[in-house]
Structures are given as structure tokens and as C-alpha cells.
Amino acid sequence: MAANAELSVLSVDYRLAPENPFPAGVEDAVAAFRYAVDNAALLDVDPSAIGVGGESAGGNLAAVVSQITHTEEGPAPAFQLMFFPVTGTFLPESRIARRLLTERVAAANPPE
């Protein structure tokens, strides 16, 4: 797909949980994007055309990189290419999810 679109790909081997707790993977993804922008000449790419992408958890990281860089000074991705991005952790209709949500809300708001 990348070859047909004449795109260069920088594949990131980001740190995974549980060995590397959150936000290690996010930090790696943001660092990789910044590396690509800062080293665009070395990579022989146009820094204004650098995008982010991924599948599943990688798609989630692509979305997070876009959100983080959009709120900071400096460049943000020119595009996102996400396949099956993980953008939620549960289905609201799930009994287990309701129980977990109830427990989290209760833990965050202890009785006085």
C-alpha cells in the first residue's frame, strides 16, 4: 500500500505494557513523530507531509500523537491513517463495564 502511494514508512517499535507502564508507548510514539520531523532531510521526506498511522493499539497511538502535537507548539501530523483504532475500553451496555465504571466512580468519590 505504501509503495503504491509512494509513501515512506517509519515503523516504531514502541514499549509495551505491562513491562513498560503507561505512558511509555505514548512517549515513544510522540518521540518517533518528532524524530521524523526533525530528521526529515536525513529521511528524505517532506516534513510538512508526515502523517501517523497504525492498527489497533497503534491506531490509538496515532490518534494520541495527533492530539498531543495539535495542542503544543510545533508541527502536527499532516494526516492520520488508522486501521481498527482502539478508541474505547468497553461497551456501555456490558454488565462488567457498568460494574467497573461504578467501582471507579465510587473510588474517585469516597464518602466524606
Foldseek 3Di string as FASTA:
>chain_A
DCVVVVHDDDDFPFDDPPVDDPPRRLVRLLVVLVCCLVCVVVVVHDSLAAAAEDEACSLVSRVVSQVVVVPDPDDHHPDYYYHHYPDDDDDVVDPVVVVVVVVVVCVVPPDD
